[in-house]
PDB file of N, CA and C in Angstrom:
ATOM      1  N   MET A   1      32.864  47.002 154.208  1.00  0.00           N
ATOM      2  CA  MET A   1      31.454  46.619 154.284  1.00  0.00           C
ATOM      3  C   MET A   1      31.275  45.275 153.588  1.00  0.00           C
ATOM      4  N   ARG A   2      30.684  44.348 154.285  1.00  0.00           N
ATOM      5  CA  ARG A   2      30.424  43.022 153.711  1.00  0.00           C
ATOM      6  C   ARG A   2      29.322  43.096 152.663  1.00  0.00           C
ATOM      7  N   SER A   3      29.360  42.152 151.736  1.00  0.00           N
ATOM      8  CA  SER A   3      28.331  42.060 150.705  1.00  0.00           C
ATOM      9  C   SER A   3      27.011  41.641 151.335  1.00  0.00           C
ATOM     10  N   VAL A   4      25.930  42.071 150.722  1.00  0.00           N
ATOM     11  CA  VAL A   4      24.593  41.693 151.188  1.00  0.00           C
ATOM     12  C   VAL A   4      24.439  40.172 151.185  1.00  0.00           C
ATOM     13  N   ARG A   5      25.192  39.485 150.331  1.00  0.00           N
ATOM     14  CA  ARG A   5      25.101  38.025 150.250  1.00  0.00           C
ATOM     15  C   ARG A   5      25.585  37.326 151.518  1.00  0.00           C
ATOM     16  N   ASN A   6      26.244  38.055 152.382  1.00  0.00           N
ATOM     17  CA  ASN A   6      26.721  37.483 153.646  1.00  0.00           C
ATOM     18  C   ASN A   6      25.714  37.647 154.785  1.00  0.00           C
ATOM     19  N   TYR A   7      24.550  38.134 154.453  1.00  0.00           N
ATOM     20  CA  TYR A   7      23.540  38.411 155.483  1.00  0.00           C
ATOM     21  C   TYR A   7      22.339  37.483 155.353  1.00  0.00           C
ATOM     22  N   ALA A   8      21.776  37.151 156.511  1.00  0.00           N
ATOM     23  CA  ALA A   8      20.546  36.359 156.559  1.00  0.00           C
ATOM     24  C   ALA A   8      19.368  37.236 156.982  1.00  0.00           C
ATOM     25  N   ASN A   9      19.650  38.493 157.341  1.00  0.00           N
ATOM     26  CA  ASN A   9      18.610  39.420 157.761  1.00  0.00           C
ATOM     27  C   ASN A   9      18.855  40.763 157.084  1.00  0.00           C
ATOM     28  N   TYR A  10      17.898  41.214 156.310  1.00  0.00           N
ATOM     29  CA  TYR A  10      18.099  42.459 155.568  1.00  0.00           C
ATOM     30  C   TYR A  10      18.201  43.673 156.484  1.00  0.00           C
ATOM     31  N   ARG A  11      17.523  43.632 157.634  1.00  0.00           N
ATOM     32  CA  ARG A  11      17.608  44.759 158.565  1.00  0.00           C
ATOM     33  C   ARG A  11      19.023  44.886 159.134  1.00  0.00           C
ATOM     34  N   LYS A  12      19.636  43.765 159.432  1.00  0.00           N
ATOM     35  CA  LYS A  12      21.024  43.782 159.924  1.00  0.00           C
ATOM     36  C   LYS A  12      21.939  44.384 158.857  1.00  0.00           C
ATOM     37  N   PHE A  13      21.725  43.991 157.593  1.00  0.00           N
ATOM     38  CA  PHE A  13      22.516  44.571 156.508  1.00  0.00           C
ATOM     39  C   PHE A  13      22.323  46.092 156.471  1.00  0.00           C
ATOM     40  N   LEU A  14      21.064  46.547 156.528  1.00  0.00           N
ATOM     41  CA  LEU A  14      20.800  47.981 156.451  1.00  0.00           C
ATOM     42  C   LEU A  14      21.420  48.741 157.623  1.00  0.00           C
ATOM     43  N   LEU A  15      21.338  48.169 158.810  1.00  0.00           N
ATOM     44  CA  LEU A  15      21.949  48.817 159.981  1.00  0.00           C
ATOM     45  C   LEU A  15      23.469  48.873 159.832  1.00  0.00           C
ATOM     46  N   ASP A  16      24.074  47.800 159.341  1.00  0.00           N
ATOM     47  CA  ASP A  16      25.524  47.794 159.111  1.00  0.00           C
ATOM     48  C   ASP A  16      25.911  48.795 158.021  1.00  0.00           C
ATOM     49  N   TYR A  17      25.120  48.843 156.952  1.00  0.00           N
ATOM     50  CA  TYR A  17      25.374  49.791 155.867  1.00  0.00           C
ATOM     51  C   TYR A  17      25.295  51.223 156.402  1.00  0.00           C
ATOM     52  N   TYR A  18      24.253  51.501 157.156  1.00  0.00           N
ATOM     53  CA  TYR A  18      24.069  52.830 157.724  1.00  0.00           C
ATOM     54  C   TYR A  18      25.256  53.200 158.629  1.00  0.00           C
ATOM     55  N   GLY A  19      25.671  52.256 159.468  1.00  0.00           N
ATOM     56  CA  GLY A  19      26.814  52.495 160.350  1.00  0.00           C
ATOM     57  C   GLY A  19      28.103  52.742 159.580  1.00  0.00           C
ATOM     58  N   ALA A  20      28.319  51.972 158.515  1.00  0.00           N
ATOM     59  CA  ALA A  20      29.521  52.146 157.682  1.00  0.00           C
ATOM     60  C   ALA A  20      29.502  53.508 156.994  1.00  0.00           C
ATOM     61  N   MET A  21      28.334  53.918 156.531  1.00  0.00           N
ATOM     62  CA  MET A  21      28.223  55.223 155.873  1.00  0.00           C
ATOM     63  C   MET A  21      28.444  56.358 156.867  1.00  0.00           C
ATOM     64  N   GLN A  22      27.993  56.184 158.099  1.00  0.00           N
ATOM     65  CA  GLN A  22      28.216  57.216 159.118  1.00  0.00           C
ATOM     66  C   GLN A  22      29.690  57.326 159.487  1.00  0.00           C
ATOM     67  N   LYS A  23      30.393  56.193 159.493  1.00  0.00           N
ATOM     68  CA  LYS A  23      31.836  56.232 159.764  1.00  0.00           C
ATOM     69  C   LYS A  23      32.566  56.972 158.648  1.00  0.00           C
ATOM     70  N   LYS A  24      32.132  56.718 157.431  1.00  0.00           N
ATOM     71  CA  LYS A  24      32.733  57.340 156.255  1.00  0.00           C
ATOM     72  C   LYS A  24      32.398  58.832 156.186  1.00  0.00           C
ATOM     73  N   ASP A  25      31.158  59.172 156.520  1.00  0.00           N
ATOM     74  CA  ASP A  25      30.662  60.547 156.464  1.00  0.00           C
ATOM     75  C   ASP A  25      29.851  60.818 157.733  1.00  0.00           C
ATOM     76  N   PRO A  26      30.456  61.467 158.725  1.00  0.00           N
ATOM     77  CA  PRO A  26      29.761  61.716 159.996  1.00  0.00           C
ATOM     78  C   PRO A  26      28.433  62.469 159.852  1.00  0.00           C
ATOM     79  N   GLU A  27      28.241  63.133 158.722  1.00  0.00           N
ATOM     80  CA  GLU A  27      26.988  63.866 158.505  1.00  0.00           C
ATOM     81  C   GLU A  27      25.921  62.998 157.831  1.00  0.00           C
ATOM     82  N   PHE A  28      26.257  61.733 157.555  1.00  0.00           N
ATOM     83  CA  PHE A  28      25.274  60.831 156.962  1.00  0.00           C
ATOM     84  C   PHE A  28      24.164  60.600 157.978  1.00  0.00           C
ATOM     85  N   SER A  29      22.926  60.722 157.529  1.00  0.00           N
ATOM     86  CA  SER A  29      21.775  60.620 158.434  1.00  0.00           C
ATOM     87  C   SER A  29      20.662  59.853 157.744  1.00  0.00           C
ATOM     88  N   TYR A  30      19.618  59.566 158.490  1.00  0.00           N
ATOM     89  CA  TYR A  30      18.451  58.922 157.889  1.00  0.00           C
ATOM     90  C   TYR A  30      17.874  59.818 156.792  1.00  0.00           C
ATOM     91  N   ARG A  31      17.942  61.117 157.005  1.00  0.00           N
ATOM     92  CA  ARG A  31      17.431  62.055 156.005  1.00  0.00           C
ATOM     93  C   ARG A  31      18.241  61.972 154.709  1.00  0.00           C
ATOM     94  N   LYS A  32      19.584  61.918 154.837  1.00  0.00           N
ATOM     95  CA  LYS A  32      20.439  61.775 153.651  1.00  0.00           C
ATOM     96  C   LYS A  32      20.185  60.448 152.954  1.00  0.00           C
ATOM     97  N   PHE A  33      20.060  59.409 153.752  1.00  0.00           N
ATOM     98  CA  PHE A  33      19.795  58.076 153.196  1.00  0.00           C
ATOM     99  C   PHE A  33      18.454  58.084 152.461  1.00  0.00           C
ATOM    100  N   ALA A  34      17.447  58.713 153.052  1.00  0.00           N
ATOM    101  CA  ALA A  34      16.125  58.793 152.425  1.00  0.00           C
ATOM    102  C   ALA A  34      16.207  59.527 151.088  1.00  0.00           C
ATOM    103  N   LYS A  35      17.033  60.570 151.018  1.00  0.00           N
ATOM    104  CA  LYS A  35      17.209  61.290 149.750  1.00  0.00           C
ATOM    105  C   LYS A  35      17.845  60.378 148.698  1.00  0.00           C
ATOM    106  N   GLN A  36      18.847  59.604 149.123  1.00  0.00           N
ATOM    107  CA  GLN A  36      19.499  58.672 148.193  1.00  0.00           C
ATOM    108  C   GLN A  36      18.504  57.629 147.692  1.00  0.00           C
ATOM    109  N   VAL A  37      17.625  57.205 148.583  1.00  0.00           N
ATOM    110  CA  VAL A  37      16.632  56.185 148.244  1.00  0.00           C
ATOM    111  C   VAL A  37      15.457  56.817 147.477  1.00  0.00           C
ATOM    112  N   LYS A  38      15.456  58.143 147.414  1.00  0.00           N
ATOM    113  CA  LYS A  38      14.381  58.891 146.746  1.00  0.00           C
ATOM    114  C   LYS A  38      13.043  58.662 147.462  1.00  0.00           C
ATOM    115  N   HIS A  39      13.141  58.691 148.778  1.00  0.00           N
ATOM    116  CA  HIS A  39      11.949  58.557 149.615  1.00  0.00           C
ATOM    117  C   HIS A  39      11.891  59.799 150.490  1.00  0.00           C
ATOM    118  N   ALA A  40      10.764  60.447 150.531  1.00  0.00           N
ATOM    119  CA  ALA A  40      10.640  61.727 151.220  1.00  0.00           C
ATOM    120  C   ALA A  40      10.732  61.612 152.739  1.00  0.00           C
ATOM    121  N   ASN A  41      10.426  60.452 153.283  1.00  0.00           N
ATOM    122  CA  ASN A  41      10.276  60.322 154.722  1.00  0.00           C
ATOM    123  C   ASN A  41      11.419  59.524 155.346  1.00  0.00           C
ATOM    124  N   ALA A  42      12.295  60.215 156.074  1.00  0.00           N
ATOM    125  CA  ALA A  42      13.429  59.559 156.721  1.00  0.00           C
ATOM    126  C   ALA A  42      12.968  58.590 157.808  1.00  0.00           C
ATOM    127  N   SER A  43      11.887  58.913 158.496  1.00  0.00           N
ATOM    128  CA  SER A  43      11.411  58.027 159.558  1.00  0.00           C
ATOM    129  C   SER A  43      10.897  56.703 158.984  1.00  0.00           C
ATOM    130  N   PHE A  44      10.431  56.714 157.736  1.00  0.00           N
ATOM    131  CA  PHE A  44       9.991  55.478 157.092  1.00  0.00           C
ATOM    132  C   PHE A  44      11.168  54.505 156.979  1.00  0.00           C
ATOM    133  N   LEU A  45      12.328  55.002 156.544  1.00  0.00           N
ATOM    134  CA  LEU A  45      13.516  54.143 156.464  1.00  0.00           C
ATOM    135  C   LEU A  45      13.926  53.658 157.855  1.00  0.00           C
ATOM    136  N   HIS A  46      13.887  54.547 158.817  1.00  0.00           N
ATOM    137  CA  HIS A  46      14.214  54.163 160.194  1.00  0.00           C
ATOM    138  C   HIS A  46      13.293  53.031 160.653  1.00  0.00           C
ATOM    139  N   ASN A  47      12.013  53.154 160.354  1.00  0.00           N
ATOM    140  CA  ASN A  47      11.049  52.125 160.747  1.00  0.00           C
ATOM    141  C   ASN A  47      11.307  50.797 160.025  1.00  0.00           C
ATOM    142  N   ILE A  48      11.710  50.855 158.775  1.00  0.00           N
ATOM    143  CA  ILE A  48      12.076  49.633 158.050  1.00  0.00           C
ATOM    144  C   ILE A  48      13.265  48.968 158.730  1.00  0.00           C
ATOM    145  N   MET A  49      14.275  49.763 159.010  1.00  0.00           N
ATOM    146  CA  MET A  49      15.513  49.220 159.577  1.00  0.00           C
ATOM    147  C   MET A  49      15.312  48.649 160.980  1.00  0.00           C
ATOM    148  N   HIS A  50      14.319  49.136 161.682  1.00  0.00           N
ATOM    149  CA  HIS A  50      14.075  48.676 163.051  1.00  0.00           C
ATOM    150  C   HIS A  50      12.850  47.775 163.175  1.00  0.00           C
ATOM    151  N   GLY A  51      12.387  47.258 162.035  1.00  0.00           N
ATOM    152  CA  GLY A  51      11.362  46.220 162.052  1.00  0.00           C
ATOM    153  C   GLY A  51       9.932  46.669 162.226  1.00  0.00           C
ATOM    154  N   ARG A  52       9.679  47.941 162.087  1.00  0.00           N
ATOM    155  CA  ARG A  52       8.307  48.421 162.262  1.00  0.00           C
ATOM    156  C   ARG A  52       7.537  48.551 160.951  1.00  0.00           C
ATOM    157  N   ARG A  53       8.242  48.486 159.835  1.00  0.00           N
ATOM    158  CA  ARG A  53       7.613  48.572 158.513  1.00  0.00           C
ATOM    159  C   ARG A  53       8.271  47.574 157.572  1.00  0.00           C
ATOM    160  N   LYS A  54       7.500  47.138 156.582  1.00  0.00           N
ATOM    161  CA  LYS A  54       8.031  46.277 155.521  1.00  0.00           C
ATOM    162  C   LYS A  54       8.149  47.124 154.255  1.00  0.00           C
ATOM    163  N   PRO A  55       9.308  47.102 153.611  1.00  0.00           N
ATOM    164  CA  PRO A  55       9.439  47.896 152.391  1.00  0.00           C
ATOM    165  C   PRO A  55       8.708  47.273 151.208  1.00  0.00           C
ATOM    166  N   GLU A  56       8.153  48.129 150.361  1.00  0.00           N
ATOM    167  CA  GLU A  56       7.553  47.674 149.104  1.00  0.00           C
ATOM    168  C   GLU A  56       8.688  47.412 148.117  1.00  0.00           C
ATOM    169  N   ILE A  57       8.380  46.727 147.032  1.00  0.00           N
ATOM    170  CA  ILE A  57       9.403  46.353 146.064  1.00  0.00           C
ATOM    171  C   ILE A  57      10.108  47.576 145.477  1.00  0.00           C
ATOM    172  N   ARG A  58       9.387  48.648 145.218  1.00  0.00           N
ATOM    173  CA  ARG A  58      10.048  49.835 144.653  1.00  0.00           C
ATOM    174  C   ARG A  58      11.026  50.449 145.653  1.00  0.00           C
ATOM    175  N   THR A  59      10.695  50.379 146.941  1.00  0.00           N
ATOM    176  CA  THR A  59      11.608  50.872 147.973  1.00  0.00           C
ATOM    177  C   THR A  59      12.817  49.954 148.084  1.00  0.00           C
ATOM    178  N   ILE A  60      12.590  48.657 147.986  1.00  0.00           N
ATOM    179  CA  ILE A  60      13.685  47.677 148.029  1.00  0.00           C
ATOM    180  C   ILE A  60      14.674  47.966 146.904  1.00  0.00           C
ATOM    181  N   ILE A  61      14.166  48.190 145.706  1.00  0.00           N
ATOM    182  CA  ILE A  61      15.026  48.456 144.552  1.00  0.00           C
ATOM    183  C   ILE A  61      15.766  49.783 144.728  1.00  0.00           C
ATOM    184  N   SER A  62      15.093  50.779 145.257  1.00  0.00           N
ATOM    185  CA  SER A  62      15.739  52.077 145.493  1.00  0.00           C
ATOM    186  C   SER A  62      16.821  51.985 146.562  1.00  0.00           C
ATOM    187  N   ILE A  63      16.561  51.217 147.610  1.00  0.00           N
ATOM    188  CA  ILE A  63      17.567  51.021 148.659  1.00  0.00           C
ATOM    189  C   ILE A  63      18.795  50.327 148.068  1.00  0.00           C
ATOM    190  N   ALA A  64      18.555  49.301 147.259  1.00  0.00           N
ATOM    191  CA  ALA A  64      19.656  48.562 146.632  1.00  0.00           C
ATOM    192  C   ALA A  64      20.486  49.487 145.749  1.00  0.00           C
ATOM    193  N   ALA A  65      19.832  50.341 144.983  1.00  0.00           N
ATOM    194  CA  ALA A  65      20.552  51.282 144.118  1.00  0.00           C
ATOM    195  C   ALA A  65      21.365  52.268 144.953  1.00  0.00           C
ATOM    196  N   ALA A  66      20.770  52.787 146.024  1.00  0.00           N
ATOM    197  CA  ALA A  66      21.475  53.734 146.890  1.00  0.00           C
ATOM    198  C   ALA A  66      22.687  53.091 147.548  1.00  0.00           C
ATOM    199  N   ALA A  67      22.589  51.794 147.830  1.00  0.00           N
ATOM    200  CA  ALA A  67      23.697  51.067 148.462  1.00  0.00           C
ATOM    201  C   ALA A  67      24.725  50.584 147.434  1.00  0.00           C
ATOM    202  N   GLY A  68      24.476  50.871 146.159  1.00  0.00           N
ATOM    203  CA  GLY A  68      25.436  50.506 145.115  1.00  0.00           C
ATOM    204  C   GLY A  68      25.449  49.031 144.756  1.00  0.00           C
ATOM    205  N   MET A  69      24.321  48.359 144.946  1.00  0.00           N
ATOM    206  CA  MET A  69      24.249  46.930 144.641  1.00  0.00           C
ATOM    207  C   MET A  69      24.144  46.709 143.140  1.00  0.00           C
ATOM    208  N   ASP A  70      24.774  45.631 142.670  1.00  0.00           N
ATOM    209  CA  ASP A  70      24.611  45.242 141.270  1.00  0.00           C
ATOM    210  C   ASP A  70      23.314  44.431 141.128  1.00  0.00           C
ATOM    211  N   GLU A  71      23.053  43.956 139.918  1.00  0.00           N
ATOM    212  CA  GLU A  71      21.783  43.270 139.656  1.00  0.00           C
ATOM    213  C   GLU A  71      21.602  42.017 140.522  1.00  0.00           C
ATOM    214  N   GLN A  72      22.645  41.207 140.642  1.00  0.00           N
ATOM    215  CA  GLN A  72      22.541  39.983 141.447  1.00  0.00           C
ATOM    216  C   GLN A  72      22.341  40.308 142.925  1.00  0.00           C
ATOM    217  N   GLU A  73      23.059  41.308 143.413  1.00  0.00           N
ATOM    218  CA  GLU A  73      22.901  41.699 144.818  1.00  0.00           C
ATOM    219  C   GLU A  73      21.503  42.262 145.076  1.00  0.00           C
ATOM    220  N   THR A  74      20.968  42.996 144.104  1.00  0.00           N
ATOM    221  CA  THR A  74      19.610  43.525 144.235  1.00  0.00           C
ATOM    222  C   THR A  74      18.604  42.382 144.301  1.00  0.00           C
ATOM    223  N   ARG A  75      18.773  41.386 143.438  1.00  0.00           N
ATOM    224  CA  ARG A  75      17.885  40.212 143.481  1.00  0.00           C
ATOM    225  C   ARG A  75      17.999  39.517 144.841  1.00  0.00           C
ATOM    226  N   TYR A  76      19.226  39.362 145.318  1.00  0.00           N
ATOM    227  CA  TYR A  76      19.446  38.719 146.612  1.00  0.00           C
ATOM    228  C   TYR A  76      18.737  39.524 147.711  1.00  0.00           C
ATOM    229  N   PHE A  77      18.946  40.828 147.711  1.00  0.00           N
ATOM    230  CA  PHE A  77      18.357  41.693 148.728  1.00  0.00           C
ATOM    231  C   PHE A  77      16.823  41.611 148.704  1.00  0.00           C
ATOM    232  N   ALA A  78      16.225  41.670 147.519  1.00  0.00           N
ATOM    233  CA  ALA A  78      14.769  41.595 147.394  1.00  0.00           C
ATOM    234  C   ALA A  78      14.239  40.264 147.920  1.00  0.00           C
ATOM    235  N   ASN A  79      14.921  39.179 147.582  1.00  0.00           N
ATOM    236  CA  ASN A  79      14.502  37.865 148.071  1.00  0.00           C
ATOM    237  C   ASN A  79      14.722  37.731 149.575  1.00  0.00           C
ATOM    238  N   LEU A  80      15.778  38.352 150.078  1.00  0.00           N
ATOM    239  CA  LEU A  80      16.046  38.326 151.514  1.00  0.00           C
ATOM    240  C   LEU A  80      14.941  39.047 152.282  1.00  0.00           C
ATOM    241  N   VAL A  81      14.494  40.177 151.765  1.00  0.00           N
ATOM    242  CA  VAL A  81      13.377  40.898 152.395  1.00  0.00           C
ATOM    243  C   VAL A  81      12.148  39.988 152.451  1.00  0.00           C
ATOM    244  N   GLU A  82      11.840  39.362 151.329  1.00  0.00           N
ATOM    245  CA  GLU A  82      10.666  38.475 151.283  1.00  0.00           C
ATOM    246  C   GLU A  82      10.827  37.287 152.229  1.00  0.00           C
ATOM    247  N   LEU A  83      12.021  36.711 152.281  1.00  0.00           N
ATOM    248  CA  LEU A  83      12.277  35.602 153.207  1.00  0.00           C
ATOM    249  C   LEU A  83      12.052  36.045 154.647  1.00  0.00           C
ATOM    250  N   ASN A  84      12.586  37.203 155.002  1.00  0.00           N
ATOM    251  CA  ASN A  84      12.455  37.681 156.377  1.00  0.00           C
ATOM    252  C   ASN A  84      11.019  37.991 156.769  1.00  0.00           C
ATOM    253  N   HIS A  85      10.141  38.185 155.781  1.00  0.00           N
ATOM    254  CA  HIS A  85       8.737  38.470 156.071  1.00  0.00           C
ATOM    255  C   HIS A  85       7.816  37.286 155.775  1.00  0.00           C
ATOM    256  N   ALA A  86       8.385  36.176 155.342  1.00  0.00           N
ATOM    257  CA  ALA A  86       7.578  35.006 154.979  1.00  0.00           C
ATOM    258  C   ALA A  86       6.871  34.455 156.218  1.00  0.00           C
ATOM    259  N   ALA A  87       5.582  34.169 156.046  1.00  0.00           N
ATOM    260  CA  ALA A  87       4.766  33.727 157.179  1.00  0.00           C
ATOM    261  C   ALA A  87       4.643  32.209 157.283  1.00  0.00           C
ATOM    262  N   SER A  88       4.934  31.499 156.195  1.00  0.00           N
ATOM    263  CA  SER A  88       4.755  30.044 156.237  1.00  0.00           C
ATOM    264  C   SER A  88       6.039  29.334 155.823  1.00  0.00           C
ATOM    265  N   ALA A  89       6.153  28.103 156.248  1.00  0.00           N
ATOM    266  CA  ALA A  89       7.342  27.301 155.934  1.00  0.00           C
ATOM    267  C   ALA A  89       7.551  27.120 154.427  1.00  0.00           C
ATOM    268  N   PRO A  90       6.511  26.817 153.638  1.00  0.00           N
ATOM    269  CA  PRO A  90       6.740  26.663 152.193  1.00  0.00           C
ATOM    270  C   PRO A  90       7.247  27.945 151.526  1.00  0.00           C
ATOM    271  N   VAL A  91       6.746  29.082 151.979  1.00  0.00           N
ATOM    272  CA  VAL A  91       7.191  30.363 151.411  1.00  0.00           C
ATOM    273  C   VAL A  91       8.637  30.631 151.827  1.00  0.00           C
ATOM    274  N   ARG A  92       8.962  30.376 153.092  1.00  0.00           N
ATOM    275  CA  ARG A  92      10.347  30.537 153.552  1.00  0.00           C
ATOM    276  C   ARG A  92      11.278  29.645 152.746  1.00  0.00           C
ATOM    277  N   GLN A  93      10.878  28.400 152.535  1.00  0.00           N
ATOM    278  CA  GLN A  93      11.702  27.462 151.777  1.00  0.00           C
ATOM    279  C   GLN A  93      11.929  27.957 150.352  1.00  0.00           C
ATOM    280  N   TYR A  94      10.869  28.477 149.744  1.00  0.00           N
ATOM    281  CA  TYR A  94      10.986  29.008 148.384  1.00  0.00           C
ATOM    282  C   TYR A  94      12.050  30.103 148.323  1.00  0.00           C
ATOM    283  N   PHE A  95      11.992  31.059 149.233  1.00  0.00           N
ATOM    284  CA  PHE A  95      12.947  32.172 149.205  1.00  0.00           C
ATOM    285  C   PHE A  95      14.349  31.733 149.626  1.00  0.00           C
ATOM    286  N   GLN A  96      14.459  30.751 150.505  1.00  0.00           N
ATOM    287  CA  GLN A  96      15.780  30.207 150.829  1.00  0.00           C
ATOM    288  C   GLN A  96      16.406  29.570 149.588  1.00  0.00           C
ATOM    289  N   ASN A  97      15.596  28.858 148.811  1.00  0.00           N
ATOM    290  CA  ASN A  97      16.091  28.265 147.561  1.00  0.00           C
ATOM    291  C   ASN A  97      16.524  29.344 146.580  1.00  0.00           C
ATOM    292  N   GLU A  98      15.760  30.410 146.486  1.00  0.00           N
ATOM    293  CA  GLU A  98      16.118  31.524 145.600  1.00  0.00           C
ATOM    294  C   GLU A  98      17.459  32.137 146.009  1.00  0.00           C
ATOM    295  N   LEU A  99      17.636  32.351 147.314  1.00  0.00           N
ATOM    296  CA  LEU A  99      18.895  32.923 147.800  1.00  0.00           C
ATOM    297  C   LEU A  99      20.069  31.998 147.507  1.00  0.00           C
ATOM    298  N   GLN A 100      19.865  30.713 147.699  1.00  0.00           N
ATOM    299  CA  GLN A 100      20.911  29.728 147.410  1.00  0.00           C
ATOM    300  C   GLN A 100      21.291  29.780 145.931  1.00  0.00           C
ATOM    301  N   PHE A 101      20.296  29.866 145.067  1.00  0.00           N
ATOM    302  CA  PHE A 101      20.541  29.939 143.627  1.00  0.00           C
ATOM    303  C   PHE A 101      21.326  31.205 143.274  1.00  0.00           C
ATOM    304  N   ILE A 102      20.929  32.328 143.840  1.00  0.00           N
ATOM    305  CA  ILE A 102      21.622  33.591 143.559  1.00  0.00           C
ATOM    306  C   ILE A 102      23.061  33.531 144.053  1.00  0.00           C
ATOM    307  N   ARG A 103      23.268  32.962 145.231  1.00  0.00           N
ATOM    308  CA  ARG A 103      24.642  32.798 145.748  1.00  0.00           C
ATOM    309  C   ARG A 103      25.477  31.946 144.799  1.00  0.00           C
ATOM    310  N   SER A 104      24.892  30.852 144.325  1.00  0.00           N
ATOM    311  CA  SER A 104      25.651  29.957 143.438  1.00  0.00           C
ATOM    312  C   SER A 104      25.961  30.657 142.111  1.00  0.00           C
ATOM    313  N   CYS A 105      25.044  31.451 141.598  1.00  0.00           N
ATOM    314  CA  CYS A 105      25.313  32.215 140.368  1.00  0.00           C
ATOM    315  C   CYS A 105      26.440  33.205 140.601  1.00  0.00           C
ATOM    316  N   GLY A 106      26.446  33.841 141.753  1.00  0.00           N
ATOM    317  CA  GLY A 106      27.512  34.789 142.088  1.00  0.00           C
ATOM    318  C   GLY A 106      28.858  34.108 142.147  1.00  0.00           C
ATOM    319  N   ASN A 107      28.904  32.905 142.686  1.00  0.00           N
ATOM    320  CA  ASN A 107      30.162  32.169 142.761  1.00  0.00           C
ATOM    321  C   ASN A 107      30.664  31.791 141.373  1.00  0.00           C
ATOM    322  N   ILE A 108      29.745  31.426 140.482  1.00  0.00           N
ATOM    323  CA  ILE A 108      30.130  31.087 139.109  1.00  0.00           C
ATOM    324  C   ILE A 108      30.704  32.314 138.414  1.00  0.00           C
ATOM    325  N   LEU A 109      30.059  33.469 138.598  1.00  0.00           N
ATOM    326  CA  LEU A 109      30.547  34.699 137.970  1.00  0.00           C
ATOM    327  C   LEU A 109      31.923  35.082 138.487  1.00  0.00           C
ATOM    328  N   LYS A 110      32.147  34.940 139.798  1.00  0.00           N
ATOM    329  CA  LYS A 110      33.467  35.233 140.367  1.00  0.00           C
ATOM    330  C   LYS A 110      34.523  34.306 139.780  1.00  0.00           C
ATOM    331  N   TYR A 111      34.182  33.034 139.653  1.00  0.00           N
ATOM    332  CA  TYR A 111      35.098  32.048 139.106  1.00  0.00           C
ATOM    333  C   TYR A 111      35.478  32.417 137.665  1.00  0.00           C
ATOM    334  N   ARG A 112      34.491  32.787 136.869  1.00  0.00           N
ATOM    335  CA  ARG A 112      34.736  33.153 135.467  1.00  0.00           C
ATOM    336  C   ARG A 112      35.621  34.377 135.361  1.00  0.00           C
ATOM    337  N   LYS A 113      35.429  35.357 136.223  1.00  0.00           N
ATOM    338  CA  LYS A 113      36.242  36.569 136.203  1.00  0.00           C
ATOM    339  C   LYS A 113      37.689  36.256 136.567  1.00  0.00           C
ATOM    340  N   LYS A 114      37.884  35.384 137.552  1.00  0.00           N
ATOM    341  CA  LYS A 114      39.236  35.009 137.968  1.00  0.00           C
ATOM    342  C   LYS A 114      39.962  34.257 136.861  1.00  0.00           C
ATOM    343  N   LYS A 115      39.221  33.442 136.099  1.00  0.00           N
ATOM    344  CA  LYS A 115      39.814  32.615 135.071  1.00  0.00           C
ATOM    345  C   LYS A 115      40.336  33.428 133.894  1.00  0.00           C
ATOM    346  N   LYS A 116      39.722  34.589 133.616  1.00  0.00           N
ATOM    347  CA  LYS A 116      40.116  35.413 132.457  1.00  0.00           C
ATOM    348  C   LYS A 116      41.448  36.043 132.605  1.00  0.00           C
TER     349      LYS A 116
END
């Protein structure tokens, strides 16, 4: 499974994550995923993944935790959601800059770990 940092669309990431989890566990379902996310409604997650709903920040954080994201990946994912829903060019630019910054921080951390 690729890192969320390799995605430009959070829905694509969620669909890929869901598919990877189903390959790993054939009984993995929207209902199981909803339980992991601590959300009672499996159809709500389905609607998020298929573009019919926008997740709130608490749902974004819960999804990130269920997917095993670290703090930087969670920040990236949250900003990616906001970017994908941004209605104006200045807002899109702001979130693109945030994603770029998070990516660069991730690269610095990887470099430091390799150096040790």
